[in-house]
Each structure stands twice: as structure tokens, then as C-alpha cells.
Amino acid sequence: MRENIHPNYNATTISCACGKVYHTRSTRKDLQIGICAGCHPFFTGEQKFIDTAGRIEKFSRRFGTAGGLARKRS
């Protein structure tokens, strides 16, 4: 086999924004992530709904409610 073609794997820590820390091996050192299995809604079973700047209300005002969107046939 050829030598010096494979990357070097080193022990590293992966830190999440929620504070959870994972220890693993990687080609990179000390990774920081924004969301992990400890805080992701799919894995926790909690559904967090964040409506930034009232986007749903803005959509409802522009286009009406879901019942008002149906076309009437004549």
C-alpha cells in the first residue's frame, strides 16, 4: 500500500451550543456545532415553535386563512 495518503485521525471534542460535549475521533480538532441529538426536536420529542417577527400573522393577513384560500366553482 502507498504510504502517507490517509488523513491523521486525532481525539477531538465536539461541543454543542446547548452545552453537551461528545468525545470522538476526527481529522479536525475541537468542533463546535449549533444543534445536536441532545437538543434537536426530532430526538427530544419536543416541538419548539419560534415565530420570528410575526411571519405567520403577516402571511395570514396577506393571504387570509386556510379556509379562505379555496376557490369557489361556479
N, C-alpha and C. Protein backbone atom coordinates (compact mmCIF):
# COMPACT_ATOMS: atom_id res chain seq x y z
N MET A 1 0.83 -1.19 0.00
CA MET A 1 0.00 0.00 0.00
C MET A 1 0.87 1.24 0.00
N ARG A 2 0.31 2.30 -0.54
CA ARG A 2 1.04 3.56 -0.55
C ARG A 2 1.02 4.19 0.84
N GLU A 3 2.08 4.82 1.18
CA GLU A 3 2.19 5.47 2.48
C GLU A 3 1.81 6.94 2.38
N ASN A 4 1.40 7.51 3.49
CA ASN A 4 1.10 8.94 3.64
C ASN A 4 -0.05 9.42 2.74
N ILE A 5 -1.05 8.57 2.50
CA ILE A 5 -2.21 9.02 1.72
C ILE A 5 -3.46 9.14 2.58
N HIS A 6 -3.44 8.58 3.77
CA HIS A 6 -4.60 8.62 4.65
C HIS A 6 -4.49 9.77 5.64
N PRO A 7 -5.62 10.40 5.98
CA PRO A 7 -5.56 11.50 6.94
C PRO A 7 -5.28 10.99 8.35
N ASN A 8 -4.74 11.86 9.16
CA ASN A 8 -4.47 11.52 10.56
C ASN A 8 -5.72 11.76 11.39
N TYR A 9 -6.16 10.72 12.10
CA TYR A 9 -7.30 10.85 12.99
C TYR A 9 -6.79 11.10 14.39
N ASN A 10 -7.33 12.14 15.01
CA ASN A 10 -6.92 12.52 16.36
C ASN A 10 -8.14 12.55 17.26
N ALA A 11 -7.92 12.41 18.55
CA ALA A 11 -9.01 12.55 19.51
C ALA A 11 -9.47 14.00 19.51
N THR A 12 -10.79 14.21 19.48
CA THR A 12 -11.34 15.55 19.42
C THR A 12 -12.60 15.64 20.26
N THR A 13 -13.02 16.84 20.57
CA THR A 13 -14.27 17.05 21.29
C THR A 13 -15.20 17.85 20.39
N ILE A 14 -16.46 17.47 20.40
CA ILE A 14 -17.49 18.20 19.66
C ILE A 14 -18.39 18.85 20.70
N SER A 15 -18.47 20.17 20.68
CA SER A 15 -19.25 20.93 21.65
C SER A 15 -20.48 21.52 20.97
N CYS A 16 -21.63 21.33 21.60
CA CYS A 16 -22.89 21.87 21.07
C CYS A 16 -23.21 23.19 21.78
N ALA A 17 -24.06 23.98 21.16
CA ALA A 17 -24.46 25.25 21.76
C ALA A 17 -25.27 25.03 23.04
N CYS A 18 -25.90 23.85 23.19
CA CYS A 18 -26.69 23.56 24.39
C CYS A 18 -25.80 23.16 25.57
N GLY A 19 -24.53 22.89 25.32
CA GLY A 19 -23.60 22.55 26.38
C GLY A 19 -23.17 21.09 26.39
N LYS A 20 -23.79 20.26 25.57
CA LYS A 20 -23.42 18.84 25.53
C LYS A 20 -22.08 18.69 24.80
N VAL A 21 -21.25 17.76 25.28
CA VAL A 21 -19.93 17.54 24.71
C VAL A 21 -19.79 16.08 24.32
N TYR A 22 -19.32 15.84 23.11
CA TYR A 22 -19.07 14.49 22.62
C TYR A 22 -17.57 14.32 22.41
N HIS A 23 -17.07 13.16 22.77
CA HIS A 23 -15.65 12.85 22.56
C HIS A 23 -15.57 11.78 21.48
N THR A 24 -14.83 12.04 20.44
CA THR A 24 -14.71 11.12 19.32
C THR A 24 -13.37 11.33 18.63
N ARG A 25 -13.22 10.74 17.46
CA ARG A 25 -12.00 10.93 16.67
C ARG A 25 -12.38 11.59 15.36
N SER A 26 -11.53 12.46 14.87
CA SER A 26 -11.80 13.18 13.64
C SER A 26 -10.50 13.70 13.06
N THR A 27 -10.58 14.17 11.82
CA THR A 27 -9.42 14.79 11.19
C THR A 27 -9.30 16.24 11.61
N ARG A 28 -10.33 16.78 12.25
CA ARG A 28 -10.30 18.16 12.73
C ARG A 28 -10.25 18.17 14.25
N LYS A 29 -9.83 19.29 14.81
CA LYS A 29 -9.72 19.44 16.26
C LYS A 29 -10.85 20.33 16.78
N ASP A 30 -11.41 19.97 17.90
CA ASP A 30 -12.36 20.77 18.68
C ASP A 30 -13.43 21.44 17.81
N LEU A 31 -14.43 20.68 17.41
CA LEU A 31 -15.53 21.19 16.60
C LEU A 31 -16.62 21.80 17.47
N GLN A 32 -17.27 22.83 16.97
CA GLN A 32 -18.40 23.45 17.67
C GLN A 32 -19.59 23.42 16.72
N ILE A 33 -20.73 22.88 17.20
CA ILE A 33 -21.92 22.76 16.38
C ILE A 33 -23.06 23.53 17.03
N GLY A 34 -24.09 23.84 16.25
CA GLY A 34 -25.21 24.61 16.76
C GLY A 34 -26.33 23.78 17.32
N ILE A 35 -26.48 22.54 16.86
CA ILE A 35 -27.56 21.67 17.33
C ILE A 35 -27.07 20.23 17.30
N CYS A 36 -27.48 19.45 18.29
CA CYS A 36 -27.03 18.06 18.39
C CYS A 36 -28.22 17.16 18.71
N ALA A 37 -27.97 15.89 18.90
CA ALA A 37 -29.03 14.94 19.24
C ALA A 37 -29.61 15.23 20.61
N GLY A 38 -28.88 15.90 21.47
CA GLY A 38 -29.37 16.22 22.80
C GLY A 38 -30.37 17.36 22.83
N CYS A 39 -30.38 18.20 21.80
CA CYS A 39 -31.29 19.35 21.80
C CYS A 39 -32.14 19.45 20.54
N HIS A 40 -31.97 18.55 19.57
CA HIS A 40 -32.76 18.60 18.34
C HIS A 40 -34.19 18.11 18.63
N PRO A 41 -35.20 18.83 18.15
CA PRO A 41 -36.59 18.45 18.44
C PRO A 41 -36.97 17.04 17.98
N PHE A 42 -36.40 16.54 16.92
CA PHE A 42 -36.73 15.20 16.45
C PHE A 42 -36.33 14.14 17.47
N PHE A 43 -35.19 14.31 18.11
CA PHE A 43 -34.70 13.33 19.06
C PHE A 43 -35.26 13.54 20.46
N THR A 44 -35.57 14.77 20.83
CA THR A 44 -36.08 15.03 22.17
C THR A 44 -37.58 14.85 22.27
N GLY A 45 -38.29 14.92 21.17
CA GLY A 45 -39.74 14.78 21.19
C GLY A 45 -40.44 16.08 21.50
N GLU A 46 -39.72 17.13 21.73
CA GLU A 46 -40.30 18.44 21.99
C GLU A 46 -40.32 19.24 20.71
N GLN A 47 -41.44 19.90 20.47
CA GLN A 47 -41.51 20.73 19.28
C GLN A 47 -41.48 22.17 19.72
N LYS A 48 -40.43 22.86 19.36
CA LYS A 48 -40.30 24.28 19.68
C LYS A 48 -40.69 25.06 18.45
N PHE A 49 -41.57 26.01 18.63
CA PHE A 49 -42.04 26.79 17.51
C PHE A 49 -41.63 28.23 17.74
N ILE A 50 -40.81 28.74 16.88
CA ILE A 50 -40.33 30.11 17.00
C ILE A 50 -40.83 30.89 15.81
N ASP A 51 -41.63 31.90 16.08
CA ASP A 51 -42.15 32.75 15.02
C ASP A 51 -41.42 34.08 15.10
N THR A 52 -40.46 34.25 14.23
CA THR A 52 -39.65 35.45 14.22
C THR A 52 -40.38 36.56 13.49
N ALA A 53 -40.56 37.66 14.15
CA ALA A 53 -41.13 38.88 13.58
C ALA A 53 -42.55 38.68 13.06
N GLY A 54 -43.32 37.76 13.65
CA GLY A 54 -44.72 37.59 13.29
C GLY A 54 -44.95 37.19 11.85
N ARG A 55 -44.15 36.29 11.34
CA ARG A 55 -44.26 35.91 9.93
C ARG A 55 -45.58 35.20 9.62
N ILE A 56 -46.07 34.41 10.56
CA ILE A 56 -47.33 33.70 10.31
C ILE A 56 -48.49 34.69 10.26
N GLU A 57 -48.51 35.65 11.17
CA GLU A 57 -49.56 36.66 11.15
C GLU A 57 -49.50 37.49 9.87
N LYS A 58 -48.29 37.81 9.43
CA LYS A 58 -48.12 38.57 8.19
C LYS A 58 -48.66 37.77 7.00
N PHE A 59 -48.36 36.47 6.96
CA PHE A 59 -48.86 35.62 5.88
C PHE A 59 -50.38 35.55 5.92
N SER A 60 -50.94 35.40 7.12
CA SER A 60 -52.40 35.30 7.26
C SER A 60 -53.08 36.59 6.82
N ARG A 61 -52.50 37.72 7.13
CA ARG A 61 -53.09 38.99 6.71
C ARG A 61 -53.05 39.15 5.20
N ARG A 62 -51.97 38.72 4.57
CA ARG A 62 -51.83 38.88 3.13
C ARG A 62 -52.72 37.92 2.35
N PHE A 63 -52.78 36.67 2.80
CA PHE A 63 -53.45 35.65 2.01
C PHE A 63 -54.71 35.09 2.67
N GLY A 64 -55.04 35.52 3.85
CA GLY A 64 -56.22 35.01 4.53
C GLY A 64 -55.93 33.69 5.21
N THR A 65 -56.98 33.11 5.76
CA THR A 65 -56.81 31.83 6.46
C THR A 65 -56.86 30.70 5.45
N ALA A 66 -56.58 29.50 5.91
CA ALA A 66 -56.53 28.33 5.03
C ALA A 66 -57.91 28.06 4.42
N GLY A 67 -59.00 28.31 5.15
CA GLY A 67 -60.33 28.08 4.62
C GLY A 67 -60.69 29.08 3.55
N GLY A 68 -60.12 30.26 3.57
CA GLY A 68 -60.43 31.29 2.59
C GLY A 68 -59.67 31.14 1.29
N LEU A 69 -58.73 30.22 1.25
CA LEU A 69 -57.92 30.08 0.04
C LEU A 69 -58.59 29.19 -1.01
N ALA A 70 -59.60 28.42 -0.62
CA ALA A 70 -60.25 27.52 -1.59
C ALA A 70 -61.04 28.31 -2.61
N ARG A 71 -60.95 27.92 -3.87
CA ARG A 71 -61.70 28.59 -4.94
C ARG A 71 -63.12 28.09 -4.96
N LYS A 72 -64.02 28.97 -5.28
CA LYS A 72 -65.41 28.58 -5.44
C LYS A 72 -65.66 28.31 -6.91
N ARG A 73 -66.26 27.16 -7.18
CA ARG A 73 -66.59 26.83 -8.57
C ARG A 73 -67.99 27.34 -8.89
N SER A 74 -68.14 27.90 -10.10
CA SER A 74 -69.46 28.40 -10.46
C SER A 74 -70.12 27.50 -11.46
